[in-house]
């Protein structure tokens, strides 16, 4: 009997033994070497037995190589152990633990349809990206300590142009992230989140907002408008990155300085919905803010 018959008929065992499952599966996921292996044998056995394919879609990925593009091997000493990345190696000074979120962010940052590389230098760059996003989120949380959305929120129509511009950018992020997740293009979410967090927020909007946050009166309309927007930015960015960096996103949700409603977790809150008005900001207004 062909060894592929056993693995190729796994669909039968999984469906029969798991309550609530039925054919076809949403997705079969494996390496690029399985097109003539598990994918094909699963298709042949299921079509023969049921007249239908066992999956709705197939997703393939490349292989993980070291930083020089070489295949990992114990004899070469170039194996990167995920546990060491998360928890750190034997010498914590030379190889400190980076946490699960950094490893997940590396996975999200690469185009897995081809072979991908990993190593100390690459991980240090991803860790730096992680810290930039976390720093942005920390700034947002810290400046909402005296904000109550129920009593202090400013209507969208009364927000200054820069505030409406950044909400339009948030709507763009949410729309792009949703489309990228749906098509399994996680690197697009990573790139969009980094661009939004660093370029749009840290380098532009939050830098401009400091005068309103620190100089204007605590309950002034200007400061409350800024806080109104920052609340949406915080929740929107946390939602966008939650599938990639769940620990950081959940940290944010648990640290919200205002009542977060019935959802006890960011993963129970649902996707952040951007009102149509946010995305409807005219191109002329966008260019005007971009020229500032």
Protein backbone atom coordinates (compact mmCIF):
# COMPACT_ATOMS: atom_id res chain seq x y z
CA UNK A 1 0.00 0.00 0.00
CA UNK A 2 1.27 3.44 -0.90
CA UNK A 3 2.32 5.34 2.22
CA UNK A 4 0.49 8.37 0.89
CA UNK A 5 -2.81 6.49 1.13
CA UNK A 6 -2.73 6.68 4.93
CA UNK A 7 -2.09 10.43 5.11
CA UNK A 8 -4.27 11.06 2.06
CA UNK A 9 -7.30 9.55 3.78
CA UNK A 10 -6.82 11.52 7.01
CA UNK A 11 -9.78 13.68 6.06
CA UNK A 12 -12.07 10.74 6.83
CA UNK A 13 -10.78 10.20 10.34
CA UNK A 14 -10.77 13.87 11.21
CA UNK A 15 -14.31 14.51 10.06
CA UNK A 16 -15.74 11.31 11.54
CA UNK A 17 -14.11 11.77 14.94
CA UNK A 18 -14.59 15.52 15.41
CA UNK A 19 -18.01 16.83 16.25
CA UNK A 20 -19.11 19.83 14.24
CA UNK A 21 -16.73 19.26 11.32
CA UNK A 22 -17.80 18.43 7.81
CA UNK A 23 -16.26 18.29 4.37
CA UNK A 24 -14.78 20.14 2.71
CA UNK A 25 -12.18 21.66 5.03
CA UNK A 26 -11.61 25.40 4.68
CA UNK A 27 -7.88 25.02 4.10
CA UNK A 28 -5.09 22.48 3.67
CA UNK A 29 -1.72 23.89 4.68
CA UNK A 30 1.67 22.32 3.97
CA UNK A 31 5.07 22.80 2.36
CA UNK A 32 5.60 23.30 -1.35
CA UNK A 33 6.77 19.68 -1.70
CA UNK A 34 3.26 18.38 -1.00
CA UNK A 35 1.60 19.25 -4.31
CA UNK A 36 2.31 15.72 -5.52
CA UNK A 37 2.18 14.32 -1.98
CA UNK A 38 -0.47 14.93 0.66
CA UNK A 39 -2.49 17.43 -1.39
CA UNK A 40 -2.75 15.07 -4.34
CA UNK A 41 -3.38 11.88 -2.36
CA UNK A 42 -6.05 13.64 -0.27
CA UNK A 43 -7.76 14.85 -3.43
CA UNK A 44 -7.67 11.44 -5.10
CA UNK A 45 -8.97 9.46 -2.12
CA UNK A 46 -11.72 11.96 -1.23
CA UNK A 47 -12.98 12.34 -4.80
CA UNK A 48 -13.02 8.57 -5.20
CA UNK A 49 -14.95 8.05 -1.96
CA UNK A 50 -17.24 11.07 -1.85
CA UNK A 51 -17.15 12.72 -5.26
CA UNK A 52 -15.81 15.97 -3.81
CA UNK A 53 -12.49 17.56 -2.89
CA UNK A 54 -11.56 17.43 0.83
CA UNK A 55 -10.62 21.13 0.89
CA UNK A 56 -11.86 24.47 -0.36
CA UNK A 57 -8.36 25.91 -0.72
CA UNK A 58 -4.72 24.86 -0.55
CA UNK A 59 -1.93 27.02 0.85
CA UNK A 60 1.72 26.17 0.45
CA UNK A 61 4.82 27.63 2.05
CA UNK A 62 8.54 27.48 1.44
CA UNK A 63 11.24 26.25 3.78
CA UNK A 64 13.09 28.00 6.60
CA UNK A 65 16.78 28.62 5.94
CA UNK A 66 19.53 30.29 7.98
CA UNK A 67 20.56 33.91 7.45
CA UNK A 68 22.93 32.93 4.64
CA UNK A 69 20.23 31.01 2.80
CA UNK A 70 21.60 27.60 3.78
CA UNK A 71 19.50 24.62 4.79
CA UNK A 72 19.51 24.11 8.55
CA UNK A 73 21.49 21.16 9.85
CA UNK A 74 22.69 20.04 13.27
CA UNK A 75 26.06 19.17 11.76
CA UNK A 76 26.43 22.74 10.48
CA UNK A 77 25.29 24.16 13.80
CA UNK A 78 22.94 26.63 12.13
CA UNK A 79 19.61 25.41 13.52
CA UNK A 80 17.42 28.13 15.04
CA UNK A 81 15.32 26.63 17.84
CA UNK A 82 11.98 28.47 18.23
CA UNK A 83 12.08 27.78 21.97
CA UNK A 84 15.42 29.58 22.24
CA UNK A 85 14.02 32.54 20.31
CA UNK A 86 11.08 32.78 22.71
CA UNK A 87 12.72 31.92 26.02
CA UNK A 88 16.39 32.60 25.30
CA UNK A 89 19.39 30.30 25.00
CA UNK A 90 21.62 28.86 27.68
CA UNK A 91 23.54 32.13 27.87
CA UNK A 92 20.79 34.70 28.40
CA UNK A 93 23.21 37.60 27.97
CA UNK A 94 24.22 36.50 24.50
CA UNK A 95 20.84 35.11 23.50
CA UNK A 96 18.03 36.71 25.51
CA UNK A 97 14.46 35.56 25.03
CA UNK A 98 12.49 37.71 22.60
CA UNK A 99 9.05 36.36 23.40
CA UNK A 100 6.45 34.59 21.30
CA UNK A 101 5.14 37.81 19.75
CA UNK A 102 8.50 38.65 18.16
CA UNK A 103 8.73 35.18 16.63
CA UNK A 104 5.17 35.45 15.35
CA UNK A 105 5.92 38.90 13.95
CA UNK A 106 8.89 37.46 12.04
CA UNK A 107 6.62 34.78 10.56
CA UNK A 108 4.16 37.49 9.53
CA UNK A 109 6.86 39.71 8.04
CA UNK A 110 8.09 37.26 5.41
CA UNK A 111 6.55 36.14 2.14
CA UNK A 112 6.17 32.47 3.05
CA UNK A 113 5.35 31.46 -0.53
CA UNK A 114 9.12 31.30 -1.08
CA UNK A 115 11.92 30.02 1.16
CA UNK A 116 12.54 32.36 4.11
CA UNK A 117 15.60 33.11 6.22
CA UNK A 118 15.97 33.53 9.97
CA UNK A 119 18.85 34.29 12.32
CA UNK A 120 20.05 36.60 15.05
CA UNK A 121 20.37 39.74 12.93
CA UNK A 122 17.00 39.28 11.26
CA UNK A 123 15.30 38.65 14.61
CA UNK A 124 16.93 41.75 16.11
CA UNK A 125 15.39 43.84 13.33
CA UNK A 126 11.96 42.30 13.97
CA UNK A 127 12.36 42.91 17.70
CA UNK A 128 13.07 46.56 16.92
CA UNK A 129 9.88 46.76 14.83
CA UNK A 130 7.97 45.16 17.69
CA UNK A 131 9.29 47.76 20.14
CA UNK A 132 8.28 50.60 17.81
CA UNK A 133 4.70 49.38 17.59
CA UNK A 134 4.59 48.74 21.33
CA UNK A 135 5.99 52.21 22.02
CA UNK A 136 3.24 53.79 19.92
CA UNK A 137 0.57 51.82 21.75
CA UNK A 138 2.07 52.73 25.12
CA UNK A 139 1.95 56.43 24.22
CA UNK A 140 -1.72 56.14 23.27
CA UNK A 141 -2.63 54.30 26.47
CA UNK A 142 -0.72 56.78 28.63
CA UNK A 143 -2.53 59.80 27.21
CA UNK A 144 -6.02 58.43 27.71
CA UNK A 145 -5.79 58.13 31.50
CA UNK A 146 -8.38 60.89 32.08
CA UNK A 147 -10.62 60.23 29.07
CA UNK A 148 -14.15 58.85 29.34
CA UNK A 149 -15.64 57.98 25.92
CA UNK A 150 -19.15 58.28 27.32
CA UNK A 151 -18.80 61.91 28.42
CA UNK A 152 -15.69 63.34 26.73
CA UNK A 153 -15.91 62.15 23.11
CA UNK A 154 -16.11 64.83 20.41
CA UNK A 155 -18.39 64.24 17.37
CA UNK A 156 -16.59 63.49 14.10
CA UNK A 157 -18.03 66.62 12.45
CA UNK A 158 -16.31 68.81 15.05
CA UNK A 159 -12.85 67.28 14.69
CA UNK A 160 -10.03 69.30 13.07
CA UNK A 161 -8.79 68.26 9.63
CA UNK A 162 -5.66 66.54 10.97
CA UNK A 163 -7.83 64.39 13.23
CA UNK A 164 -10.12 63.41 10.38
CA UNK A 165 -7.08 62.69 8.22
CA UNK A 166 -5.60 60.22 10.70
CA UNK A 167 -8.96 58.49 11.08
CA UNK A 168 -9.04 58.12 7.30
CA UNK A 169 -5.58 56.55 7.53
CA UNK A 170 -6.86 54.20 10.24
CA UNK A 171 -9.75 53.21 7.97
CA UNK A 172 -7.19 52.46 5.24
CA UNK A 173 -5.21 50.28 7.66
CA UNK A 174 -8.27 48.31 8.74
CA UNK A 175 -9.45 47.80 5.18
CA UNK A 176 -6.01 46.72 3.93
CA UNK A 177 -5.43 44.46 6.93
CA UNK A 178 -8.79 42.75 6.54
CA UNK A 179 -8.17 42.06 2.85
CA UNK A 180 -4.64 40.80 3.60
CA UNK A 181 -5.85 38.42 6.30
CA UNK A 182 -8.54 37.07 4.00
CA UNK A 183 -5.91 36.27 1.36
CA UNK A 184 -3.33 34.96 3.91
CA UNK A 185 -0.90 37.75 2.98
CA UNK A 186 0.23 38.43 6.54
CA UNK A 187 3.32 40.36 5.46
CA UNK A 188 1.00 43.05 4.08
CA UNK A 189 -0.54 43.47 7.54
CA UNK A 190 2.93 43.73 9.07
CA UNK A 191 4.03 46.34 6.53
CA UNK A 192 0.81 48.35 6.88
CA UNK A 193 0.95 48.27 10.68
CA UNK A 194 4.59 49.40 10.70
CA UNK A 195 3.92 52.18 8.20
CA UNK A 196 0.90 53.39 10.15
CA UNK A 197 2.52 53.11 13.58
CA UNK A 198 5.83 54.76 12.71
CA UNK A 199 5.21 57.11 9.77
CA UNK A 200 1.60 58.15 10.31
CA UNK A 201 1.46 58.14 14.11
CA UNK A 202 4.88 58.47 15.79
CA UNK A 203 6.52 60.70 13.19
CA UNK A 204 3.48 62.80 12.29
CA UNK A 205 0.17 62.81 14.13
CA UNK A 206 1.30 62.05 17.70
CA UNK A 207 4.18 64.48 17.38
CA UNK A 208 1.76 67.23 16.34
CA UNK A 209 -0.71 66.22 19.05
CA UNK A 210 1.69 66.85 21.93
CA UNK A 211 0.83 70.56 22.13
CA UNK A 212 -2.85 69.78 22.52
CA UNK A 213 -2.18 67.00 25.01
CA UNK A 214 0.33 68.78 27.22
CA UNK A 215 -0.38 72.51 26.85
CA UNK A 216 -4.12 72.83 26.37
CA UNK A 217 -6.45 72.60 29.34
CA UNK A 218 -7.18 69.10 30.60
CA UNK A 219 -10.84 69.34 29.61
CA UNK A 220 -10.43 71.67 26.64
CA UNK A 221 -12.22 70.90 23.38
CA UNK A 222 -8.87 70.66 21.55
CA UNK A 223 -7.50 68.06 23.95
CA UNK A 224 -10.71 66.05 24.09
CA UNK A 225 -10.83 65.95 20.29
CA UNK A 226 -7.32 64.54 20.24
CA UNK A 227 -8.17 61.97 22.89
CA UNK A 228 -11.30 60.98 21.00
CA UNK A 229 -9.16 60.15 17.98
CA UNK A 230 -6.46 58.44 20.05
CA UNK A 231 -9.05 56.10 21.53
CA UNK A 232 -9.99 54.94 18.02
CA UNK A 233 -6.34 54.69 17.00
CA UNK A 234 -5.52 52.54 20.02
CA UNK A 235 -8.39 50.12 19.54
CA UNK A 236 -7.95 50.00 15.76
CA UNK A 237 -4.22 49.32 15.79
CA UNK A 238 -4.62 46.72 18.55
CA UNK A 239 -7.30 44.93 16.51
CA UNK A 240 -5.21 44.99 13.32
CA UNK A 241 -2.15 43.39 14.94
CA UNK A 242 -3.96 41.04 17.33
CA UNK A 243 -3.68 37.94 15.08
CA UNK A 244 0.06 38.62 14.65
CA UNK A 245 1.03 39.70 18.18
CA UNK A 246 -1.76 38.42 20.44
CA UNK A 247 0.08 39.00 23.72
CA UNK A 248 0.78 42.66 22.96
CA UNK A 249 -2.75 43.26 21.72
CA UNK A 250 -4.23 41.65 24.81
CA UNK A 251 -1.90 43.69 27.04
CA UNK A 252 -3.33 46.81 25.42
CA UNK A 253 -6.92 45.65 25.88
CA UNK A 254 -6.41 44.86 29.56
CA UNK A 255 -4.68 48.22 30.07
CA UNK A 256 -7.44 50.35 28.53
CA UNK A 257 -7.87 53.23 30.99
CA UNK A 258 -11.60 53.50 30.32
CA UNK A 259 -14.51 51.06 30.45
CA UNK A 260 -14.00 48.59 27.62
CA UNK A 261 -17.56 47.30 27.45
CA UNK A 262 -18.70 43.68 27.73
CA UNK A 263 -15.76 42.19 25.77
CA UNK A 264 -13.24 40.86 28.28
CA UNK A 265 -10.62 40.24 25.60
CA UNK A 266 -9.54 41.90 22.37
CA UNK A 267 -10.37 38.58 20.71
CA UNK A 268 -13.97 38.81 21.89
CA UNK A 269 -14.41 42.42 20.81
CA UNK A 270 -14.67 41.72 17.10
CA UNK A 271 -13.01 43.56 14.25
CA UNK A 272 -12.80 47.33 14.60
CA UNK A 273 -15.34 48.83 12.22
CA UNK A 274 -14.46 52.16 10.59
CA UNK A 275 -17.49 54.39 9.91
CA UNK A 276 -17.96 55.27 6.25
CA UNK A 277 -17.32 58.95 7.01
CA UNK A 278 -13.70 58.21 7.99
CA UNK A 279 -12.80 56.76 4.60
CA UNK A 280 -14.78 59.43 2.75
CA UNK A 281 -12.25 62.18 3.43
CA UNK A 282 -11.56 63.91 0.13
CA UNK A 283 -8.29 63.61 -1.75
CA UNK A 284 -7.76 67.37 -1.58
CA UNK A 285 -7.99 67.28 2.22
CA UNK A 286 -5.58 64.34 2.37
CA UNK A 287 -3.06 66.21 0.21
CA UNK A 288 -3.43 69.33 2.34
CA UNK A 289 -2.53 67.43 5.50
CA UNK A 290 0.24 65.54 3.75
CA UNK A 291 1.82 68.87 2.79
CA UNK A 292 2.06 70.02 6.41
